[in-house]
Amino acid sequence: MTSPRTYPLPAVELAGLVDDYLYGCQPVADCGVCTALAAELTGAREAKDHGTAYDAVAEIRNHPHPVKRKP
């Protein structure tokens, strides 16, 4: 008889498709706030700090930009 596992398995890393869905966003090119958040996102993803990365993505997505109307 085998003894039951008493420790957790290593974390499962999801495929890149899921990462693109969760972290995919388009910062506006001329916006300083979006540029800073994109840099924060890159650093958090490299450090595998998923909570901070998702917060940065959510802020980029929700950051308001005025809509340019054609005259």
PDB file of N, CA and C in Angstrom:
ATOM      1  N   MET A   1       0.836  -1.177   0.000  1.00  0.00           N
ATOM      2  CA  MET A   1       0.000   0.000   0.000  1.00  0.00           C
ATOM      3  C   MET A   1       0.885   1.246   0.000  1.00  0.00           C
ATOM      4  N   THR A   2       0.482   2.211  -0.766  1.00  0.00           N
ATOM      5  CA  THR A   2       1.254   3.451  -0.826  1.00  0.00           C
ATOM      6  C   THR A   2       0.727   4.441   0.202  1.00  0.00           C
ATOM      7  N   SER A   3       1.590   5.283   0.662  1.00  0.00           N
ATOM      8  CA  SER A   3       1.154   6.291   1.630  1.00  0.00           C
ATOM      9  C   SER A   3       0.629   7.520   0.873  1.00  0.00           C
ATOM     10  N   PRO A   4      -0.384   8.176   1.414  1.00  0.00           N
ATOM     11  CA  PRO A   4      -0.955   9.344   0.736  1.00  0.00           C
ATOM     12  C   PRO A   4       0.027  10.506   0.730  1.00  0.00           C
ATOM     13  N   ARG A   5      -0.094  11.333  -0.272  1.00  0.00           N
ATOM     14  CA  ARG A   5       0.759  12.514  -0.387  1.00  0.00           C
ATOM     15  C   ARG A   5       0.368  13.509   0.703  1.00  0.00           C
ATOM     16  N   THR A   6       1.354  14.028   1.399  1.00  0.00           N
ATOM     17  CA  THR A   6       1.082  14.966   2.486  1.00  0.00           C
ATOM     18  C   THR A   6       1.631  16.364   2.196  1.00  0.00           C
ATOM     19  N   TYR A   7       1.961  16.605   0.932  1.00  0.00           N
ATOM     20  CA  TYR A   7       2.472  17.914   0.553  1.00  0.00           C
ATOM     21  C   TYR A   7       1.831  18.308  -0.782  1.00  0.00           C
ATOM     22  N   PRO A   8       1.731  19.603  -1.062  1.00  0.00           N
ATOM     23  CA  PRO A   8       1.103  20.037  -2.310  1.00  0.00           C
ATOM     24  C   PRO A   8       2.022  19.808  -3.512  1.00  0.00           C
ATOM     25  N   LEU A   9       1.406  19.640  -4.638  1.00  0.00           N
ATOM     26  CA  LEU A   9       2.161  19.524  -5.886  1.00  0.00           C
ATOM     27  C   LEU A   9       2.643  20.911  -6.312  1.00  0.00           C
ATOM     28  N   PRO A  10       3.638  20.973  -7.191  1.00  0.00           N
ATOM     29  CA  PRO A  10       4.074  22.288  -7.678  1.00  0.00           C
ATOM     30  C   PRO A  10       2.940  22.985  -8.433  1.00  0.00           C
ATOM     31  N   ALA A  11       3.023  24.305  -8.499  1.00  0.00           N
ATOM     32  CA  ALA A  11       1.999  25.086  -9.177  1.00  0.00           C
ATOM     33  C   ALA A  11       1.954  24.735 -10.663  1.00  0.00           C
ATOM     34  N   VAL A  12       0.774  24.762 -11.225  1.00  0.00           N
ATOM     35  CA  VAL A  12       0.592  24.495 -12.643  1.00  0.00           C
ATOM     36  C   VAL A  12       0.617  25.823 -13.378  1.00  0.00           C
ATOM     37  N   GLU A  13       1.467  25.916 -14.401  1.00  0.00           N
ATOM     38  CA  GLU A  13       1.506  27.131 -15.202  1.00  0.00           C
ATOM     39  C   GLU A  13       0.623  26.923 -16.419  1.00  0.00           C
ATOM     40  N   LEU A  14      -0.290  27.860 -16.633  1.00  0.00           N
ATOM     41  CA  LEU A  14      -1.226  27.745 -17.736  1.00  0.00           C
ATOM     42  C   LEU A  14      -0.564  28.141 -19.048  1.00  0.00           C
ATOM     43  N   ALA A  15      -1.129  27.680 -20.127  1.00  0.00           N
ATOM     44  CA  ALA A  15      -0.573  27.945 -21.455  1.00  0.00           C
ATOM     45  C   ALA A  15      -0.588  29.441 -21.767  1.00  0.00           C
ATOM     46  N   GLY A  16       0.198  29.857 -22.731  1.00  0.00           N
ATOM     47  CA  GLY A  16       0.292  31.255 -23.112  1.00  0.00           C
ATOM     48  C   GLY A  16      -1.029  31.854 -23.558  1.00  0.00           C
ATOM     49  N   LEU A  17      -1.922  31.037 -24.093  1.00  0.00           N
ATOM     50  CA  LEU A  17      -3.223  31.538 -24.547  1.00  0.00           C
ATOM     51  C   LEU A  17      -4.006  32.148 -23.394  1.00  0.00           C
ATOM     52  N   VAL A  18      -3.978  31.515 -22.248  1.00  0.00           N
ATOM     53  CA  VAL A  18      -4.695  32.027 -21.083  1.00  0.00           C
ATOM     54  C   VAL A  18      -4.025  33.307 -20.585  1.00  0.00           C
ATOM     55  N   ASP A  19      -2.697  33.335 -20.591  1.00  0.00           N
ATOM     56  CA  ASP A  19      -1.989  34.548 -20.188  1.00  0.00           C
ATOM     57  C   ASP A  19      -2.348  35.714 -21.098  1.00  0.00           C
ATOM     58  N   ASP A  20      -2.431  35.454 -22.401  1.00  0.00           N
ATOM     59  CA  ASP A  20      -2.799  36.523 -23.328  1.00  0.00           C
ATOM     60  C   ASP A  20      -4.211  37.018 -23.052  1.00  0.00           C
ATOM     61  N   TYR A  21      -5.104  36.115 -22.690  1.00  0.00           N
ATOM     62  CA  TYR A  21      -6.481  36.510 -22.393  1.00  0.00           C
ATOM     63  C   TYR A  21      -6.530  37.356 -21.118  1.00  0.00           C
ATOM     64  N   LEU A  22      -5.813  36.936 -20.082  1.00  0.00           N
ATOM     65  CA  LEU A  22      -5.847  37.655 -18.808  1.00  0.00           C
ATOM     66  C   LEU A  22      -5.080  38.966 -18.856  1.00  0.00           C
ATOM     67  N   TYR A  23      -3.905  38.936 -19.465  1.00  0.00           N
ATOM     68  CA  TYR A  23      -3.019  40.089 -19.408  1.00  0.00           C
ATOM     69  C   TYR A  23      -2.987  40.897 -20.703  1.00  0.00           C
ATOM     70  N   GLY A  24      -3.735  40.495 -21.703  1.00  0.00           N
ATOM     71  CA  GLY A  24      -3.719  41.211 -22.972  1.00  0.00           C
ATOM     72  C   GLY A  24      -4.440  42.543 -22.868  1.00  0.00           C
ATOM     73  N   CYS A  25      -3.763  43.593 -23.221  1.00  0.00           N
ATOM     74  CA  CYS A  25      -4.356  44.929 -23.224  1.00  0.00           C
ATOM     75  C   CYS A  25      -3.535  45.802 -24.159  1.00  0.00           C
ATOM     76  N   GLN A  26      -4.117  46.882 -24.617  1.00  0.00           N
ATOM     77  CA  GLN A  26      -3.439  47.801 -25.520  1.00  0.00           C
ATOM     78  C   GLN A  26      -3.326  49.170 -24.862  1.00  0.00           C
ATOM     79  N   PRO A  27      -2.165  49.516 -24.291  1.00  0.00           N
ATOM     80  CA  PRO A  27      -2.007  50.852 -23.737  1.00  0.00           C
ATOM     81  C   PRO A  27      -1.992  51.887 -24.859  1.00  0.00           C
ATOM     82  N   VAL A  28      -2.547  53.041 -24.602  1.00  0.00           N
ATOM     83  CA  VAL A  28      -2.560  54.129 -25.577  1.00  0.00           C
ATOM     84  C   VAL A  28      -1.144  54.688 -25.687  1.00  0.00           C
ATOM     85  N   ALA A  29      -0.673  54.876 -26.923  1.00  0.00           N
ATOM     86  CA  ALA A  29       0.730  55.222 -27.182  1.00  0.00           C
ATOM     87  C   ALA A  29       1.158  56.540 -26.541  1.00  0.00           C
ATOM     88  N   ASP A  30       0.333  57.573 -26.599  1.00  0.00           N
ATOM     89  CA  ASP A  30       0.742  58.897 -26.118  1.00  0.00           C
ATOM     90  C   ASP A  30       0.346  59.178 -24.672  1.00  0.00           C
ATOM     91  N   CYS A  31      -0.066  58.164 -23.941  1.00  0.00           N
ATOM     92  CA  CYS A  31      -0.539  58.362 -22.571  1.00  0.00           C
ATOM     93  C   CYS A  31       0.556  57.953 -21.580  1.00  0.00           C
ATOM     94  N   GLY A  32       0.981  58.900 -20.734  1.00  0.00           N
ATOM     95  CA  GLY A  32       2.014  58.627 -19.746  1.00  0.00           C
ATOM     96  C   GLY A  32       1.578  57.613 -18.700  1.00  0.00           C
ATOM     97  N   VAL A  33       0.303  57.663 -18.315  1.00  0.00           N
ATOM     98  CA  VAL A  33      -0.216  56.720 -17.315  1.00  0.00           C
ATOM     99  C   VAL A  33      -0.175  55.296 -17.877  1.00  0.00           C
ATOM    100  N   CYS A  34      -0.631  55.135 -19.120  1.00  0.00           N
ATOM    101  CA  CYS A  34      -0.621  53.810 -19.750  1.00  0.00           C
ATOM    102  C   CYS A  34       0.809  53.287 -19.915  1.00  0.00           C
ATOM    103  N   THR A  35       1.738  54.166 -20.244  1.00  0.00           N
ATOM    104  CA  THR A  35       3.144  53.767 -20.403  1.00  0.00           C
ATOM    105  C   THR A  35       3.714  53.280 -19.076  1.00  0.00           C
ATOM    106  N   ALA A  36       3.431  53.996 -18.000  1.00  0.00           N
ATOM    107  CA  ALA A  36       3.916  53.593 -16.677  1.00  0.00           C
ATOM    108  C   ALA A  36       3.285  52.273 -16.237  1.00  0.00           C
ATOM    109  N   LEU A  37       1.995  52.115 -16.499  1.00  0.00           N
ATOM    110  CA  LEU A  37       1.323  50.870 -16.128  1.00  0.00           C
ATOM    111  C   LEU A  37       1.831  49.694 -16.956  1.00  0.00           C
ATOM    112  N   ALA A  38       2.145  49.925 -18.224  1.00  0.00           N
ATOM    113  CA  ALA A  38       2.695  48.862 -19.066  1.00  0.00           C
ATOM    114  C   ALA A  38       4.067  48.425 -18.548  1.00  0.00           C
ATOM    115  N   ALA A  39       4.875  49.368 -18.086  1.00  0.00           N
ATOM    116  CA  ALA A  39       6.176  49.028 -17.501  1.00  0.00           C
ATOM    117  C   ALA A  39       5.991  48.236 -16.209  1.00  0.00           C
ATOM    118  N   GLU A  40       5.021  48.635 -15.398  1.00  0.00           N
ATOM    119  CA  GLU A  40       4.714  47.901 -14.161  1.00  0.00           C
ATOM    120  C   GLU A  40       4.247  46.485 -14.492  1.00  0.00           C
ATOM    121  N   LEU A  41       3.429  46.350 -15.520  1.00  0.00           N
ATOM    122  CA  LEU A  41       2.940  45.040 -15.950  1.00  0.00           C
ATOM    123  C   LEU A  41       4.098  44.149 -16.383  1.00  0.00           C
ATOM    124  N   THR A  42       5.004  44.675 -17.166  1.00  0.00           N
ATOM    125  CA  THR A  42       6.152  43.892 -17.636  1.00  0.00           C
ATOM    126  C   THR A  42       7.001  43.421 -16.458  1.00  0.00           C
ATOM    127  N   GLY A  43       7.284  44.314 -15.525  1.00  0.00           N
ATOM    128  CA  GLY A  43       8.077  43.937 -14.350  1.00  0.00           C
ATOM    129  C   GLY A  43       7.389  42.896 -13.487  1.00  0.00           C
ATOM    130  N   ALA A  44       6.088  43.046 -13.309  1.00  0.00           N
ATOM    131  CA  ALA A  44       5.347  42.088 -12.485  1.00  0.00           C
ATOM    132  C   ALA A  44       5.285  40.712 -13.141  1.00  0.00           C
ATOM    133  N   ARG A  45       5.123  40.693 -14.462  1.00  0.00           N
ATOM    134  CA  ARG A  45       5.090  39.395 -15.156  1.00  0.00           C
ATOM    135  C   ARG A  45       6.445  38.713 -15.100  1.00  0.00           C
ATOM    136  N   GLU A  46       7.535  39.466 -15.215  1.00  0.00           N
ATOM    137  CA  GLU A  46       8.872  38.881 -15.121  1.00  0.00           C
ATOM    138  C   GLU A  46       9.130  38.336 -13.721  1.00  0.00           C
ATOM    139  N   ALA A  47       8.594  39.008 -12.700  1.00  0.00           N
ATOM    140  CA  ALA A  47       8.767  38.573 -11.317  1.00  0.00           C
ATOM    141  C   ALA A  47       7.733  37.510 -10.919  1.00  0.00           C
ATOM    142  N   LYS A  48       6.827  37.185 -11.854  1.00  0.00           N
ATOM    143  CA  LYS A  48       5.735  36.227 -11.610  1.00  0.00           C
ATOM    144  C   LYS A  48       4.861  36.659 -10.440  1.00  0.00           C
ATOM    145  N   ASP A  49       4.667  37.978 -10.332  1.00  0.00           N
ATOM    146  CA  ASP A  49       3.764  38.555  -9.337  1.00  0.00           C
ATOM    147  C   ASP A  49       2.423  38.758 -10.032  1.00  0.00           C
ATOM    148  N   HIS A  50       1.623  37.702 -10.066  1.00  0.00           N
ATOM    149  CA  HIS A  50       0.401  37.689 -10.868  1.00  0.00           C
ATOM    150  C   HIS A  50      -0.651  38.680 -10.378  1.00  0.00           C
ATOM    151  N   GLY A  51      -0.735  38.910  -9.103  1.00  0.00           N
ATOM    152  CA  GLY A  51      -1.712  39.857  -8.570  1.00  0.00           C
ATOM    153  C   GLY A  51      -1.436  41.273  -9.028  1.00  0.00           C
ATOM    154  N   THR A  52      -0.181  41.697  -8.922  1.00  0.00           N
ATOM    155  CA  THR A  52       0.196  43.036  -9.369  1.00  0.00           C
ATOM    156  C   THR A  52       0.039  43.167 -10.877  1.00  0.00           C
ATOM    157  N   ALA A  53       0.382  42.115 -11.614  1.00  0.00           N
ATOM    158  CA  ALA A  53       0.246  42.158 -13.071  1.00  0.00           C
ATOM    159  C   ALA A  53      -1.218  42.324 -13.471  1.00  0.00           C
ATOM    160  N   TYR A  54      -2.105  41.584 -12.839  1.00  0.00           N
ATOM    161  CA  TYR A  54      -3.514  41.696 -13.201  1.00  0.00           C
ATOM    162  C   TYR A  54      -4.072  43.065 -12.813  1.00  0.00           C
ATOM    163  N   ASP A  55      -3.631  43.603 -11.678  1.00  0.00           N
ATOM    164  CA  ASP A  55      -4.072  44.949 -11.279  1.00  0.00           C
ATOM    165  C   ASP A  55      -3.642  45.992 -12.308  1.00  0.00           C
ATOM    166  N   ALA A  56      -2.412  45.873 -12.824  1.00  0.00           N
ATOM    167  CA  ALA A  56      -1.933  46.812 -13.831  1.00  0.00           C
ATOM    168  C   ALA A  56      -2.750  46.698 -15.112  1.00  0.00           C
ATOM    169  N   VAL A  57      -3.076  45.475 -15.513  1.00  0.00           N
ATOM    170  CA  VAL A  57      -3.892  45.265 -16.716  1.00  0.00           C
ATOM    171  C   VAL A  57      -5.274  45.875 -16.532  1.00  0.00           C
ATOM    172  N   ALA A  58      -5.863  45.662 -15.369  1.00  0.00           N
ATOM    173  CA  ALA A  58      -7.197  46.206 -15.112  1.00  0.00           C
ATOM    174  C   ALA A  58      -7.170  47.736 -15.160  1.00  0.00           C
ATOM    175  N   GLU A  59      -6.120  48.342 -14.636  1.00  0.00           N
ATOM    176  CA  GLU A  59      -6.021  49.806 -14.683  1.00  0.00           C
ATOM    177  C   GLU A  59      -5.829  50.303 -16.112  1.00  0.00           C
ATOM    178  N   ILE A  60      -5.044  49.587 -16.911  1.00  0.00           N
ATOM    179  CA  ILE A  60      -4.862  49.984 -18.310  1.00  0.00           C
ATOM    180  C   ILE A  60      -6.189  49.900 -19.050  1.00  0.00           C
ATOM    181  N   ARG A  61      -6.918  48.816 -18.834  1.00  0.00           N
ATOM    182  CA  ARG A  61      -8.206  48.649 -19.518  1.00  0.00           C
ATOM    183  C   ARG A  61      -9.218  49.706 -19.101  1.00  0.00           C
ATOM    184  N   ASN A  62      -9.205  50.089 -17.834  1.00  0.00           N
ATOM    185  CA  ASN A  62     -10.217  51.010 -17.307  1.00  0.00           C
ATOM    186  C   ASN A  62      -9.793  52.471 -17.342  1.00  0.00           C
ATOM    187  N   HIS A  63      -8.556  52.750 -17.752  1.00  0.00           N
ATOM    188  CA  HIS A  63      -8.070  54.128 -17.781  1.00  0.00           C
ATOM    189  C   HIS A  63      -8.818  54.898 -18.873  1.00  0.00           C
ATOM    190  N   PRO A  64      -9.464  56.009 -18.507  1.00  0.00           N
ATOM    191  CA  PRO A  64     -10.269  56.736 -19.497  1.00  0.00           C
ATOM    192  C   PRO A  64      -9.416  57.542 -20.467  1.00  0.00           C
ATOM    193  N   HIS A  65      -9.829  57.518 -21.707  1.00  0.00           N
ATOM    194  CA  HIS A  65      -9.211  58.333 -22.744  1.00  0.00           C
ATOM    195  C   HIS A  65     -10.327  59.001 -23.531  1.00  0.00           C
ATOM    196  N   PRO A  66     -10.177  60.278 -23.787  1.00  0.00           N
ATOM    197  CA  PRO A  66     -11.241  60.949 -24.561  1.00  0.00           C
ATOM    198  C   PRO A  66     -11.292  60.416 -25.991  1.00  0.00           C
ATOM    199  N   VAL A  67     -12.473  60.289 -26.492  1.00  0.00           N
ATOM    200  CA  VAL A  67     -12.674  59.821 -27.858  1.00  0.00           C
ATOM    201  C   VAL A  67     -12.511  61.011 -28.796  1.00  0.00           C
ATOM    202  N   LYS A  68     -11.630  60.865 -29.777  1.00  0.00           N
ATOM    203  CA  LYS A  68     -11.417  61.940 -30.735  1.00  0.00           C
ATOM    204  C   LYS A  68     -12.504  61.863 -31.810  1.00  0.00           C
ATOM    205  N   ARG A  69     -13.254  62.931 -31.939  1.00  0.00           N
ATOM    206  CA  ARG A  69     -14.339  62.962 -32.933  1.00  0.00           C
ATOM    207  C   ARG A  69     -13.880  63.710 -34.166  1.00  0.00           C
ATOM    208  N   LYS A  70     -14.342  63.247 -35.290  1.00  0.00           N
ATOM    209  CA  LYS A  70     -14.026  63.915 -36.550  1.00  0.00           C
ATOM    210  C   LYS A  70     -14.943  65.118 -36.720  1.00  0.00           C
ATOM    211  N   PRO A  71     -14.400  66.240 -37.172  1.00  0.00           N
ATOM    212  CA  PRO A  71     -15.229  67.459 -37.317  1.00  0.00           C
ATOM    213  C   PRO A  71     -16.215  67.346 -38.458  1.00  0.00           C
TER     214      PRO A  71
END
